[in-house]
Amino acid sequence: MAVSIGARLRRWSTTPAAALVALLLGCYAYFYQAGGWNQNSRFNLVRATVEHGTLKTDRYAKNTGDDAVRNGHHYCDKAPGSSWLCTPPYAIVYVASGAPANPSPRWLAWAAWFSIVVAVSVPSVIAAVFLARLARALGLGDRAAIVVALGWGLATMGLPYATLLYGNQIAGAFLLIAFTLLVEIRRGAAPRPARMIAVGALIGFAGATEYPAALIAFPIAVYGLWVARLKPCLWAVLGGAVPLAALAWYHTAAFGSPGAFPYNFSVWKEPHTGWFMGIGEPHGHALKEILVGAYRGLLYTTPWLALAVPGAVALAWSPQNRAEVAVCAWAVIMFLWLNSSIPPWHGGWGAGPRYLVPMLPFAAMLAGGVLVWITRATAAPALKVARVVAALALAGLLVHSAANMFAATVVKPEIDTRYKRPYSQFVWKNFYAGKVAVSRQTIDMRGNPEQGPRQAWNLGMKLGLDGLPSLLPLLAWFTACAVWLLWALGLGPPSLRWRGGEARTPSA
């Protein structure tokens, strides 16, 4: 007998995945970060496409310093994927509003917020669910898998960049989803055409969103050929051909040929291309700074990711996980190499080394591998005590990391390069003073005037609250979703299985 849609939704609502989606989407959608050169350049392409049916952004060139110029015309100097994802939601709002000729700043802010939620936040939330599925496939229990997903979603730069119109977060999300779909084939799922087409489309779109995604796409493709074999992979090639053909068309229409990249026409005179997709000669000083430096150090702000090394060992202890660990480790190593070889290694205004964002879900998976040891049952009292201590240490690192990322998201994730210790000098200084959503640059403004009106906001501010009290509705949402999640994980009334729906107590 067919199960009704309502019954399916009721069943799904009792799963940890549903609570995870609600918690993360509520958090990401709560914030609107307003403008910045990077996101304004991408949004210029959205507006040009929807409002005027052109790829030329001449009408909006004043909005950003990130531009490409060819034959006297301005274009977005970024990969187009994030703009493509923003185009449908913006078009819906634009048409529903009567196609305003000169949108007001308030209307434009709401339209941009909605577009970013659909284009960036929603894929990030979906990827978090798939990260939990990947953790389950690699041997972690339901509860540990949720910890990994929340770790990436709330305790890495995945949080602030899920609220910004950049390509890094989208590319990482799509690559992670594609990889998970392939891992599940190795664990028994059938390589059906729909799954393989989705894998190819996701990988292709990741490349069309952030060109260096090819550094991770390559090992995923090799892994897919290994686990699914040649014939099913032809479907993946078909799926990938669609976004890549669209990318070739875009390059030709905007820049003259399929192989002409926007960076070739950037107003920045010497864009770094390296040997391949930005990879060039690595520099030790840059590597040190992007890992542990107070200015842009990944482990300085999110130290729990240092557990990727012991976590990889824990996961690879099982022979059936070694290929998957190798792919995740490759992603981490390649993007560290990429970031350490780019001359502007700091990435400009940011909440950390933003070039590393695409590899963060893979790093989170490796770091979460320590839960294999922490959650392993043992009768030895000494080992039990050691595992309790390790669990408390992990919890402390996660809380510290999440606090940094949350504060940066609340205040402003695009931190001016003049702050050499950005979290102490800017983020926490403003947070403790109750100064939230401090960006004064609109989505259609080039400058960021220090004395201008605030352009960023959160939903609490739209309810009439300001300062730290504006976060109270989000706190209430967090609390409700946390209770829901604990219940679904079996830490309350009996919950339902992660997949399938039969009643049981989930494993750790």
Protein backbone atom coordinates (compact mmCIF):
# COMPACT_ATOMS: atom_id res chain seq x y z
CA MET A 1 0.00 0.00 0.00
CA ALA A 2 1.35 3.41 -0.94
CA VAL A 3 2.31 5.67 1.95
CA SER A 4 0.83 9.17 1.77
CA ILE A 5 3.05 12.22 1.58
CA GLY A 6 1.70 13.37 4.94
CA ALA A 7 2.65 10.06 6.54
CA ARG A 8 6.12 10.24 5.05
CA LEU A 9 6.59 13.77 6.39
CA ARG A 10 5.37 12.74 9.85
CA ARG A 11 7.79 9.81 9.85
CA TRP A 12 10.66 11.99 8.65
CA SER A 13 9.92 14.60 11.33
CA THR A 14 10.84 12.05 14.00
CA THR A 15 14.33 11.50 12.58
CA PRO A 16 17.54 13.28 13.62
CA ALA A 17 17.87 14.55 10.04
CA ALA A 18 14.70 16.62 10.35
CA ALA A 19 15.84 18.26 13.59
CA LEU A 20 19.29 18.87 12.09
CA VAL A 21 17.75 20.59 9.05
CA ALA A 22 15.53 22.78 11.20
CA LEU A 23 18.35 23.79 13.54
CA LEU A 24 20.89 24.68 10.84
CA LEU A 25 18.49 26.33 8.39
CA GLY A 26 17.00 28.43 11.17
CA CYS A 27 20.49 29.55 12.15
CA TYR A 28 21.73 30.32 8.65
CA ALA A 29 18.57 32.09 7.52
CA TYR A 30 18.58 34.25 10.66
CA PHE A 31 21.35 36.47 9.31
CA TYR A 32 21.65 38.87 6.42
CA GLN A 33 25.23 40.09 5.97
CA ALA A 34 24.48 42.83 3.38
CA GLY A 35 27.19 43.63 0.83
CA GLY A 36 30.85 43.25 0.02
CA TRP A 37 32.94 43.28 -3.12
CA ASN A 38 32.88 39.51 -3.59
CA GLN A 39 29.16 38.99 -3.11
CA ASN A 40 28.25 42.21 -4.91
CA SER A 41 30.13 41.04 -7.99
CA ARG A 42 28.16 37.78 -7.98
CA PHE A 43 24.87 39.54 -7.31
CA ASN A 44 25.55 41.99 -10.13
CA LEU A 45 25.40 39.03 -12.54
CA VAL A 46 22.11 37.90 -10.98
CA ARG A 47 20.54 41.32 -11.42
CA ALA A 48 21.89 41.77 -14.95
CA THR A 49 20.47 38.39 -15.97
CA VAL A 50 17.04 38.81 -14.37
CA GLU A 51 16.43 42.52 -14.87
CA HIS A 52 18.03 43.03 -18.28
CA GLY A 53 18.63 39.60 -19.83
CA THR A 54 22.36 40.13 -20.26
CA LEU A 55 25.66 38.87 -18.82
CA LYS A 56 27.13 42.37 -18.91
CA THR A 57 27.14 44.06 -15.51
CA ASP A 58 27.85 47.57 -16.79
CA ARG A 59 24.83 49.02 -14.96
CA TYR A 60 26.16 47.73 -11.65
CA ALA A 61 29.92 48.20 -12.08
CA LYS A 62 29.89 50.88 -9.37
CA ASN A 63 28.86 48.26 -6.79
CA THR A 64 32.16 46.41 -6.50
CA GLY A 65 35.90 46.49 -6.98
CA ASP A 66 35.88 42.83 -8.09
CA ASP A 67 35.29 43.11 -11.81
CA ALA A 68 36.29 41.67 -15.15
CA VAL A 69 36.45 43.98 -18.17
CA ARG A 70 36.41 42.79 -21.78
CA ASN A 71 35.90 44.98 -24.86
CA GLY A 72 34.86 47.88 -22.66
CA HIS A 73 32.14 45.91 -20.85
CA HIS A 74 32.02 44.79 -17.23
CA TYR A 75 31.38 41.20 -16.12
CA CYS A 76 31.41 39.26 -12.88
CA ASP A 77 35.00 38.14 -12.27
CA LYS A 78 33.93 34.99 -10.39
CA ALA A 79 32.86 31.54 -11.47
CA PRO A 80 29.14 31.84 -12.27
CA GLY A 81 27.67 28.89 -10.33
CA SER A 82 26.65 30.79 -7.20
CA SER A 83 25.05 33.50 -9.33
CA TRP A 84 23.17 30.84 -11.29
CA LEU A 85 21.75 29.39 -8.08
CA CYS A 86 20.66 32.86 -6.94
CA THR A 87 18.97 33.69 -10.22
CA PRO A 88 15.72 31.64 -9.87
CA PRO A 89 14.82 32.85 -6.35
CA TYR A 90 15.67 36.43 -7.27
CA ALA A 91 13.60 36.14 -10.45
CA ILE A 92 10.63 34.86 -8.44
CA VAL A 93 10.80 37.80 -6.03
CA TYR A 94 11.41 40.26 -8.86
CA VAL A 95 8.47 39.13 -10.97
CA ALA A 96 6.16 38.75 -7.95
CA SER A 97 6.99 42.36 -6.99
CA GLY A 98 6.01 43.66 -10.40
CA ALA A 99 9.53 43.92 -11.87
CA PRO A 100 10.51 47.19 -10.15
CA ALA A 101 12.64 49.39 -12.40
CA ASN A 102 14.55 50.92 -9.49
CA PRO A 103 14.34 48.57 -6.51
CA SER A 104 14.49 50.30 -3.15
CA PRO A 105 17.38 49.41 -0.80
CA ARG A 106 14.96 47.72 1.59
CA TRP A 107 13.38 45.61 -1.16
CA LEU A 108 16.78 44.72 -2.57
CA ALA A 109 18.04 43.61 0.84
CA TRP A 110 15.10 41.25 1.36
CA ALA A 111 15.44 39.90 -2.19
CA ALA A 112 19.16 39.29 -1.69
CA TRP A 113 18.53 37.62 1.69
CA PHE A 114 15.99 35.23 0.17
CA SER A 115 18.26 34.46 -2.78
CA ILE A 116 21.24 33.71 -0.52
CA VAL A 117 19.18 31.47 1.75
CA VAL A 118 18.03 29.42 -1.25
CA ALA A 119 21.37 29.40 -3.08
CA VAL A 120 23.83 28.99 -0.20
CA SER A 121 22.11 28.14 3.08
CA VAL A 122 19.86 25.38 1.76
CA PRO A 123 22.68 23.46 -0.02
CA SER A 124 24.76 23.80 3.16
CA VAL A 125 21.98 22.28 5.26
CA ILE A 126 21.48 19.41 2.81
CA ALA A 127 25.23 18.77 2.82
CA ALA A 128 25.18 18.57 6.63
CA VAL A 129 22.62 15.77 6.41
CA PHE A 130 24.83 13.99 3.88
CA LEU A 131 27.87 14.49 6.10
CA ALA A 132 25.99 12.65 8.83
CA ARG A 133 25.22 9.91 6.30
CA LEU A 134 28.89 9.74 5.36
CA ALA A 135 29.85 9.41 9.01
CA ARG A 136 27.33 6.59 9.38
CA ALA A 137 28.78 4.86 6.33
CA LEU A 138 32.26 5.07 7.86
CA GLY A 139 31.12 3.33 11.02
CA LEU A 140 29.98 6.07 13.40
CA GLY A 141 26.68 5.75 15.23
CA ASP A 142 23.72 8.09 14.86
CA ARG A 143 24.74 10.37 17.71
CA ALA A 144 28.38 10.60 16.66
CA ALA A 145 27.30 11.29 13.06
CA ILE A 146 25.17 14.22 14.22
CA VAL A 147 28.11 15.58 16.21
CA VAL A 148 30.22 15.56 13.03
CA ALA A 149 27.49 17.31 11.03
CA LEU A 150 26.95 19.95 13.71
CA GLY A 151 30.70 20.36 14.05
CA TRP A 152 31.00 21.33 10.40
CA GLY A 153 27.77 23.33 10.32
CA LEU A 154 28.34 25.38 13.48
CA ALA A 155 32.00 25.06 14.53
CA THR A 156 33.86 25.81 11.29
CA MET A 157 33.77 28.61 8.74
CA GLY A 158 30.88 26.65 7.27
CA LEU A 159 28.66 28.74 9.58
CA PRO A 160 29.55 32.28 8.47
CA TYR A 161 30.01 31.29 4.84
CA ALA A 162 26.57 29.66 4.75
CA THR A 163 25.25 33.22 5.16
CA LEU A 164 27.38 34.86 2.45
CA LEU A 165 27.13 34.85 -1.35
CA TYR A 166 30.48 33.19 -2.01
CA GLY A 167 31.19 30.09 -4.10
CA ASN A 168 33.46 28.31 -1.60
CA GLN A 169 30.72 26.96 0.65
CA ILE A 170 28.49 25.79 -2.22
CA ALA A 171 31.36 23.96 -3.91
CA GLY A 172 32.29 22.15 -0.69
CA ALA A 173 28.68 21.20 -0.06
CA PHE A 174 28.15 19.76 -3.54
CA LEU A 175 31.41 17.82 -3.51
CA LEU A 176 30.59 16.33 -0.12
CA ILE A 177 27.12 15.23 -1.27
CA ALA A 178 28.54 13.64 -4.44
CA PHE A 179 31.21 11.80 -2.46
CA THR A 180 28.65 10.48 0.03
CA LEU A 181 26.46 9.13 -2.75
CA LEU A 182 29.46 7.18 -4.06
CA VAL A 183 30.50 5.92 -0.63
CA GLU A 184 27.01 4.54 -0.13
CA ILE A 185 27.42 2.58 -3.36
CA ARG A 186 30.47 0.90 -1.89
CA ARG A 187 28.40 0.14 1.22
CA GLY A 188 25.67 -1.55 -0.81
CA ALA A 189 23.54 1.05 -2.58
CA ALA A 190 22.84 0.36 -6.23
CA PRO A 191 24.60 2.63 -8.78
CA ARG A 192 21.31 3.52 -10.42
CA PRO A 193 21.27 6.10 -13.23
CA ALA A 194 19.55 8.76 -11.09
CA ARG A 195 22.20 8.51 -8.39
CA MET A 196 25.07 8.60 -10.87
CA ILE A 197 23.60 11.51 -12.84
CA ALA A 198 23.27 13.40 -9.55
CA VAL A 199 26.91 12.65 -8.70
CA GLY A 200 28.10 14.00 -12.04
CA ALA A 201 25.86 17.05 -11.90
CA LEU A 202 27.00 17.93 -8.39
CA ILE A 203 30.69 17.60 -9.25
CA GLY A 204 30.24 19.57 -12.46
CA PHE A 205 28.29 22.33 -10.73
CA ALA A 206 30.89 22.52 -7.96
CA GLY A 207 33.50 23.21 -10.64
CA ALA A 208 31.27 25.84 -12.22
CA THR A 209 30.92 27.50 -8.82
CA GLU A 210 34.53 27.43 -7.65
CA TYR A 211 37.17 26.47 -10.20
CA PRO A 212 39.63 24.93 -7.67
CA ALA A 213 36.89 22.42 -6.82
CA ALA A 214 38.60 20.37 -9.55
CA LEU A 215 41.30 19.57 -6.98
CA ILE A 216 38.74 17.54 -5.01
CA ALA A 217 36.63 16.46 -7.97
CA PHE A 218 39.53 14.46 -9.42
CA PRO A 219 39.96 11.96 -6.55
CA ILE A 220 36.18 11.70 -6.15
CA ALA A 221 35.90 10.79 -9.84
CA VAL A 222 38.63 8.17 -9.50
CA TYR A 223 36.92 6.77 -6.42
CA GLY A 224 33.60 6.68 -8.26
CA LEU A 225 35.11 4.77 -11.17
CA TRP A 226 36.52 2.28 -8.67
CA VAL A 227 33.31 1.67 -6.70
CA ALA A 228 30.68 1.98 -9.46
CA ARG A 229 32.67 0.70 -12.46
CA LEU A 230 32.69 2.13 -15.96
CA LYS A 231 29.14 1.70 -17.26
CA PRO A 232 27.31 3.45 -14.38
CA CYS A 233 29.93 6.19 -14.47
CA LEU A 234 28.83 7.05 -17.99
CA TRP A 235 25.63 8.36 -16.39
CA ALA A 236 27.78 10.53 -14.13
CA VAL A 237 29.57 11.88 -17.18
CA LEU A 238 26.17 12.75 -18.65
CA GLY A 239 25.17 14.51 -15.44
CA GLY A 240 28.40 16.48 -15.30
CA ALA A 241 28.18 17.46 -18.95
CA VAL A 242 25.19 19.72 -18.30
CA PRO A 243 26.76 22.23 -15.87
CA LEU A 244 30.12 22.04 -17.64
CA ALA A 245 28.49 22.74 -21.01
CA ALA A 246 26.68 25.69 -19.42
CA LEU A 247 30.02 26.90 -18.07
CA ALA A 248 31.64 26.62 -21.49
CA TRP A 249 28.75 28.59 -22.98
CA TYR A 250 29.11 31.27 -20.30
CA HIS A 251 32.86 31.60 -20.86
CA THR A 252 32.30 31.91 -24.60
CA ALA A 253 29.48 34.43 -24.34
CA ALA A 254 31.22 36.60 -21.75
CA PHE A 255 34.93 36.13 -22.43
CA GLY A 256 35.24 34.86 -25.99
CA SER A 257 36.06 31.15 -25.68
CA PRO A 258 35.24 28.10 -23.52
CA GLY A 259 38.72 28.15 -21.97
CA ALA A 260 38.76 31.87 -21.15
CA PHE A 261 38.34 32.37 -17.41
CA PRO A 262 37.00 35.56 -15.78
CA TYR A 263 40.30 36.01 -13.95
CA ASN A 264 42.02 36.54 -17.29
CA PHE A 265 40.09 39.83 -17.58
CA SER A 266 40.14 40.84 -13.91
CA VAL A 267 40.78 44.48 -13.05
CA TRP A 268 43.39 43.11 -10.70
CA LYS A 269 46.45 43.20 -12.91
CA GLU A 270 48.21 40.03 -11.82
CA PRO A 271 45.72 37.32 -10.85
CA HIS A 272 47.55 34.24 -9.64
CA THR A 273 46.86 31.11 -11.67
CA GLY A 274 49.67 28.85 -10.45
CA TRP A 275 50.44 25.58 -12.18
CA PHE A 276 46.91 24.16 -12.03
CA MET A 277 43.73 25.65 -10.53
CA GLY A 278 45.74 27.97 -8.32
CA ILE A 279 48.22 25.33 -7.12
CA GLY A 280 51.74 26.73 -7.29
CA GLU A 281 54.89 26.78 -5.22
CA PRO A 282 53.86 26.50 -1.53
CA HIS A 283 55.27 28.90 1.03
CA GLY A 284 56.04 27.82 4.58
CA HIS A 285 55.19 31.17 6.16
CA ALA A 286 51.78 31.24 4.51
CA LEU A 287 51.06 27.65 5.57
CA LYS A 288 51.94 28.48 9.17
CA GLU A 289 49.73 31.55 9.15
CA ILE A 290 46.69 29.84 7.64
CA LEU A 291 46.98 27.05 10.20
CA VAL A 292 47.96 28.62 13.52
CA GLY A 293 48.43 32.37 12.99
CA ALA A 294 46.27 34.79 14.97
CA TYR A 295 45.50 36.71 11.77
CA ARG A 296 43.90 33.97 9.64
CA GLY A 297 44.74 30.71 11.41
CA LEU A 298 42.26 27.88 10.89
CA LEU A 299 43.31 26.05 14.05
CA TYR A 300 43.60 29.32 15.96
CA THR A 301 39.85 29.92 15.61
CA THR A 302 38.55 26.35 15.17
CA PRO A 303 41.06 24.17 17.04
CA TRP A 304 38.88 21.05 16.97
CA LEU A 305 39.89 20.55 13.34
CA ALA A 306 43.39 19.64 14.55
CA LEU A 307 41.80 16.30 15.45
CA ALA A 308 41.69 15.51 11.72
CA VAL A 309 45.08 13.80 12.08
CA PRO A 310 44.23 11.36 14.91
CA GLY A 311 40.70 11.07 13.53
CA ALA A 312 42.02 9.95 10.15
CA VAL A 313 44.11 7.30 11.91
CA ALA A 314 41.07 6.11 13.85
CA LEU A 315 38.94 5.84 10.72
CA ALA A 316 41.70 4.21 8.66
CA TRP A 317 42.16 1.59 11.37
CA SER A 318 39.33 -0.20 9.59
CA PRO A 319 40.57 -1.37 6.16
CA GLN A 320 37.16 -0.73 4.58
CA ASN A 321 37.50 3.01 5.35
CA ARG A 322 40.97 3.62 3.95
CA ALA A 323 39.95 4.66 0.45
CA GLU A 324 37.43 7.14 1.85
CA VAL A 325 39.97 8.52 4.32
CA ALA A 326 42.43 8.95 1.46
CA VAL A 327 39.94 11.06 -0.52
CA CYS A 328 39.16 13.26 2.50
CA ALA A 329 42.86 13.66 3.31
CA TRP A 330 43.59 14.55 -0.32
CA ALA A 331 40.96 17.30 -0.17
CA VAL A 332 42.50 18.77 2.97
CA ILE A 333 46.09 18.58 1.74
CA MET A 334 45.37 20.00 -1.70
CA PHE A 335 43.55 23.04 -0.36
CA LEU A 336 46.24 23.71 2.22
CA TRP A 337 48.73 23.57 -0.63
CA LEU A 338 46.51 25.83 -2.75
CA ASN A 339 46.10 28.42 -0.01
CA SER A 340 49.80 28.43 0.88
CA SER A 341 50.79 29.01 -2.76
CA ILE A 342 48.45 31.93 -3.52
CA PRO A 343 50.17 35.34 -3.08
CA PRO A 344 47.17 36.93 -1.26
CA TRP A 345 47.01 33.87 1.01
CA HIS A 346 44.93 35.73 3.63
CA GLY A 347 41.99 35.95 1.20
CA GLY A 348 41.19 39.58 1.90
CA TRP A 349 38.37 40.41 4.28
CA GLY A 350 37.23 37.19 5.96
CA ALA A 351 36.52 35.19 9.08
CA GLY A 352 39.57 33.01 8.46
CA PRO A 353 41.44 31.40 5.56
CA ARG A 354 38.36 31.36 3.32
CA TYR A 355 40.10 29.57 0.44
CA LEU A 356 39.98 26.46 2.64
CA VAL A 357 36.19 26.47 2.95
CA PRO A 358 35.54 23.82 0.22
CA MET A 359 37.63 21.22 2.08
CA LEU A 360 36.11 21.87 5.52
CA PRO A 361 33.39 19.17 5.40
CA PHE A 362 36.09 16.63 4.55
CA ALA A 363 38.29 17.92 7.37
CA ALA A 364 35.32 17.73 9.74
CA MET A 365 34.74 14.12 8.74
CA LEU A 366 38.35 13.25 9.53
CA ALA A 367 38.27 15.13 12.84
CA GLY A 368 35.05 13.36 13.75
CA GLY A 369 36.91 10.09 13.38
CA VAL A 370 38.13 10.44 16.97
CA LEU A 371 34.58 9.52 17.97
CA VAL A 372 35.36 5.98 16.79
CA TRP A 373 37.65 5.67 19.79
CA ILE A 374 35.63 7.80 22.20
CA THR A 375 32.37 5.88 21.68
CA ARG A 376 33.89 2.40 21.58
CA ALA A 377 32.55 0.22 24.39
CA THR A 378 35.11 -1.15 26.82
CA ALA A 379 35.11 -2.96 30.14
CA ALA A 380 38.48 -1.62 31.31
CA PRO A 381 37.92 1.16 33.91
CA ALA A 382 41.08 3.04 32.90
CA LEU A 383 40.00 3.16 29.26
CA LYS A 384 36.53 4.30 30.27
CA VAL A 385 38.01 7.21 32.19
CA ALA A 386 40.30 8.09 29.27
CA ARG A 387 37.38 8.14 26.88
CA VAL A 388 35.35 10.38 29.18
CA VAL A 389 38.27 12.79 29.38
CA ALA A 390 38.67 12.69 25.59
CA ALA A 391 34.94 13.33 25.11
CA LEU A 392 35.07 16.34 27.44
CA ALA A 393 38.13 17.68 25.62
CA LEU A 394 36.37 17.31 22.25
CA ALA A 395 33.29 19.04 23.62
CA GLY A 396 35.42 21.92 24.89
CA LEU A 397 37.17 22.35 21.54
CA LEU A 398 33.85 22.25 19.69
CA VAL A 399 32.28 24.84 21.99
CA HIS A 400 35.29 27.15 21.66
CA SER A 401 35.26 26.82 17.88
CA ALA A 402 31.51 27.29 17.61
CA ALA A 403 31.66 30.39 19.83
CA ASN A 404 34.22 32.02 17.54
CA MET A 405 32.25 31.21 14.40
CA PHE A 406 28.94 32.29 15.91
CA ALA A 407 30.35 35.60 17.13
CA ALA A 408 31.88 36.31 13.71
CA THR A 409 28.56 35.54 12.03
CA VAL A 410 26.66 37.76 14.47
CA VAL A 411 29.02 40.73 14.18
CA LYS A 412 30.43 40.57 10.65
CA PRO A 413 32.17 37.65 8.92
CA GLU A 414 34.02 39.82 6.43
CA ILE A 415 36.66 41.21 8.78
CA ASP A 416 38.84 44.06 7.57
CA THR A 417 42.45 43.10 6.88
CA ARG A 418 43.69 45.94 9.10
CA TYR A 419 42.87 43.86 12.21
CA LYS A 420 45.89 41.65 12.80
CA ARG A 421 44.15 39.78 15.62
CA PRO A 422 40.63 39.98 14.19
CA TYR A 423 38.81 37.94 16.81
CA SER A 424 40.11 39.82 19.84
CA GLN A 425 40.34 43.23 18.19
CA PHE A 426 37.10 43.17 16.22
CA VAL A 427 34.75 40.20 16.64
CA TRP A 428 34.67 39.72 20.41
CA LYS A 429 35.18 43.43 21.11
CA ASN A 430 32.01 44.22 19.18
CA PHE A 431 30.11 41.20 20.46
CA TYR A 432 30.71 42.03 24.14
CA ALA A 433 29.69 45.62 23.42
CA GLY A 434 26.42 44.41 21.91
CA LYS A 435 27.30 45.65 18.44
CA VAL A 436 25.83 43.15 16.01
CA ALA A 437 25.36 43.18 12.22
CA VAL A 438 27.82 46.07 11.87
CA SER A 439 28.31 46.00 8.09
CA ARG A 440 27.45 49.32 6.48
CA GLN A 441 27.84 48.22 2.87
CA THR A 442 24.76 47.40 0.83
CA ILE A 443 24.51 44.71 -1.83
CA ASP A 444 24.66 47.54 -4.41
CA MET A 445 27.34 49.73 -2.85
CA ARG A 446 31.09 49.72 -3.46
CA GLY A 447 32.18 51.35 -0.20
CA ASN A 448 31.74 50.49 3.47
CA PRO A 449 31.40 53.91 5.17
CA GLU A 450 32.29 53.73 8.86
CA GLN A 451 29.68 56.33 9.81
CA GLY A 452 26.92 55.16 7.49
CA PRO A 453 23.73 53.35 8.58
CA ARG A 454 23.95 49.62 9.26
CA GLN A 455 22.93 47.55 6.27
CA ALA A 456 23.30 44.04 7.73
CA TRP A 457 20.63 42.68 10.04
CA ASN A 458 19.26 39.60 11.69
CA LEU A 459 15.64 38.53 12.00
CA GLY A 460 15.54 39.57 15.66
CA MET A 461 16.33 43.11 14.59
CA LYS A 462 13.40 42.95 12.18
CA LEU A 463 11.22 42.16 15.21
CA GLY A 464 12.32 45.40 16.87
CA LEU A 465 15.18 44.04 18.99
CA ASP A 466 18.77 45.25 18.85
CA GLY A 467 22.15 44.32 20.22
CA LEU A 468 22.51 40.97 21.92
CA PRO A 469 18.74 40.80 22.72
CA SER A 470 18.18 40.47 18.95
CA LEU A 471 19.60 36.95 19.31
CA LEU A 472 16.92 35.83 21.77
CA PRO A 473 14.54 34.46 19.09
CA LEU A 474 17.44 32.45 17.67
CA LEU A 475 18.26 31.15 21.15
CA ALA A 476 14.65 30.03 21.53
CA TRP A 477 14.84 28.29 18.13
CA PHE A 478 18.10 26.61 19.07
CA THR A 479 16.61 25.36 22.31
CA ALA A 480 13.50 23.93 20.66
CA CYS A 481 15.53 22.23 17.93
CA ALA A 482 18.04 20.87 20.46
CA VAL A 483 15.22 19.26 22.42
CA TRP A 484 13.80 17.86 19.19
CA LEU A 485 17.20 16.52 18.18
CA LEU A 486 17.87 14.90 21.57
CA TRP A 487 14.47 13.22 21.44
CA ALA A 488 15.07 11.95 17.91
CA LEU A 489 18.44 10.54 18.96
CA GLY A 490 16.87 8.47 21.70
CA LEU A 491 17.90 10.70 24.59
CA GLY A 492 14.24 11.29 25.35
CA PRO A 493 11.14 9.27 24.43
CA PRO A 494 11.75 6.36 22.03
CA SER A 495 12.68 7.72 18.62
CA LEU A 496 12.70 6.35 15.16
CA ARG A 497 15.59 4.96 13.20
CA TRP A 498 17.89 7.27 11.23
CA ARG A 499 16.64 5.61 8.09
CA GLY A 500 13.70 3.35 7.63
CA GLY A 501 11.47 4.33 10.55
CA GLU A 502 11.52 1.24 12.79
CA ALA A 503 11.67 2.02 16.48
CA ARG A 504 14.99 1.50 18.23
CA THR A 505 17.51 3.24 20.42
CA PRO A 506 20.16 4.79 18.17
CA SER A 507 23.78 3.85 18.69
CA ALA A 508 26.43 6.24 19.86
